[in-house]
Amino acid sequence: MAVYHEVSAYPFAPGPLSGLPAEYAERRAHCPFGQVRLPSGHDAVLLVTHADAAAALADVRLSHDLTAPGSPRVTVGPSFLDDPETLLNKDGEEHLRIRRIVASAFTPRRVERWRPTIRAVASDLIDRIESAGPTADLVDAYCTPLPSSSSASCSACRTTTRSASSAGATPSPWPPG
């Protein structure tokens, strides 16, 4: 197994045609459990195999809490991951307690019922892009609002959507009416 002495910057640059970076194949073959440097400047361990990632997630000696002292920050500046109350930052029994509460909402049968709603939200976002003119920022106009608008629509909540570049929020028509 190769030993990497230089810590690589992460995330890696995209591969050809925005495909997976070649570094993943190289690491899977030679260094599946190695250090990387995050955009924040912190070093972290990158796991590139499913088995290693599953083992790490199941290991009670490791924390999911990204607000814990010594945890590497993924990015510089504020992040939703800064909130110690988010499910992603809960460990052990508290994490399991919350997951048990919401698990029934995410069964395959229930999720399948959301498909038409999510498709309608996606179509509406595409319609907005088309009506706005010949150019668009797909991340700003589609990728950023799709998850929150879909989630709000499926839970019958009114939301506001915030584009990545806008200074303020604009009312979302979801749910319609």
Foldseek 3Di string as FASTA:
>chain_A
DDDDPDAAAPPDQADPPSHHDPVLVVCVVPPQWAWHQAQQRDIDTHHRDPVVVVVQVPDLVDFLACCDPPRDDRHPDDDPSNDCPDLSRDDDPVNVVVCVVCVVCDDPVNVVVLVVVLVVVQVVLVVVVVVVDDDDDCCQSHVQVSVVLSVCLSVVHWDWGDGPPDPDTDGDCPPPD
